[in-house]
Amino acid sequence: MKYSNRKRVTYPFELKLEAVKLYFETSINRHEIAKILEIGCDKTLLSWIRKYEEFGEDGLKERRGRPRKNIHE
């Protein structure tokens, strides 16, 4: 089995939001937006668009990792 040596790239929320808004507010296609904003792949942008359509801006926020515990409970 082959494993990729590439590390996972994480993009800031602001970049994701800017990309999605460009998609909805302009006639620029996904491929061009990905090139302009230096996003690795237009499929990444497609996943952000789908998350935005389903969950709004909250869908673009990072949810990876263990949730923090509230120590005051």
Protein backbone atom coordinates (compact mmCIF):
# COMPACT_ATOMS: atom_id res chain seq x y z
CA MET A 1 0.00 0.00 0.00
CA LYS A 2 1.35 3.41 -0.96
CA TYR A 3 1.16 6.34 1.41
CA SER A 4 1.45 9.94 0.38
CA ASN A 5 4.27 12.03 1.82
CA ARG A 6 2.20 15.19 1.53
CA LYS A 7 0.96 16.82 4.70
CA ARG A 8 -2.65 17.82 5.11
CA VAL A 9 -3.12 21.47 4.24
CA THR A 10 -5.52 23.46 6.38
CA TYR A 11 -6.97 26.71 5.16
CA PRO A 12 -8.12 29.55 7.41
CA PHE A 13 -11.84 30.20 7.77
CA GLU A 14 -11.47 33.65 6.17
CA LEU A 15 -9.99 32.16 2.97
CA LYS A 16 -12.74 29.56 2.76
CA LEU A 17 -15.41 32.22 3.17
CA GLU A 18 -13.77 34.49 0.59
CA ALA A 19 -13.62 31.62 -1.92
CA VAL A 20 -17.24 30.62 -1.41
CA LYS A 21 -18.44 34.22 -1.69
CA LEU A 22 -16.45 34.68 -4.91
CA TYR A 23 -18.16 31.60 -6.28
CA PHE A 24 -21.68 32.82 -5.47
CA GLU A 25 -21.21 36.53 -6.16
CA THR A 26 -19.20 36.44 -9.40
CA SER A 27 -19.18 34.53 -12.65
CA ILE A 28 -15.73 33.08 -11.93
CA ASN A 29 -15.70 29.27 -12.05
CA ARG A 30 -14.34 27.00 -9.30
CA HIS A 31 -11.14 26.17 -11.15
CA GLU A 32 -10.23 29.84 -11.61
CA ILE A 33 -11.06 30.73 -7.99
CA ALA A 34 -8.83 27.88 -6.80
CA LYS A 35 -5.98 29.22 -8.97
CA ILE A 36 -6.48 32.84 -7.88
CA LEU A 37 -6.55 32.01 -4.16
CA GLU A 38 -3.89 29.28 -4.45
CA ILE A 39 -6.17 26.51 -3.21
CA GLY A 40 -4.68 23.12 -4.03
CA CYS A 41 -7.68 21.73 -5.91
CA ASP A 42 -11.06 22.96 -7.11
CA LYS A 43 -12.64 19.88 -5.49
CA THR A 44 -11.61 21.34 -2.14
CA LEU A 45 -13.58 24.45 -3.02
CA LEU A 46 -16.53 22.30 -4.08
CA SER A 47 -16.61 20.68 -0.63
CA TRP A 48 -16.58 24.15 0.99
CA ILE A 49 -19.46 25.24 -1.26
CA ARG A 50 -21.53 22.21 -0.27
CA LYS A 51 -20.81 22.74 3.43
CA TYR A 52 -21.72 26.42 3.10
CA GLU A 53 -24.99 25.57 1.34
CA GLU A 54 -25.95 23.10 4.06
CA PHE A 55 -24.65 24.77 7.24
CA GLY A 56 -23.85 28.39 6.33
CA GLU A 57 -20.65 30.00 7.61
CA ASP A 58 -20.44 27.50 10.50
CA GLY A 59 -19.94 24.74 7.95
CA LEU A 60 -16.60 26.30 6.97
CA LYS A 61 -15.15 26.27 10.48
CA GLU A 62 -12.67 23.55 11.41
CA ARG A 63 -14.29 20.73 13.38
CA ARG A 64 -11.40 18.30 13.49
CA GLY A 65 -10.01 17.08 16.79
CA ARG A 66 -11.30 16.39 20.23
CA PRO A 67 -13.91 18.84 21.54
CA ARG A 68 -12.89 20.86 24.57
CA LYS A 69 -14.40 19.96 27.91
CA ASN A 70 -16.12 22.61 29.94
CA ILE A 71 -14.36 22.48 33.30
CA HIS A 72 -17.13 24.51 34.95
CA GLU A 73 -19.82 21.85 34.56
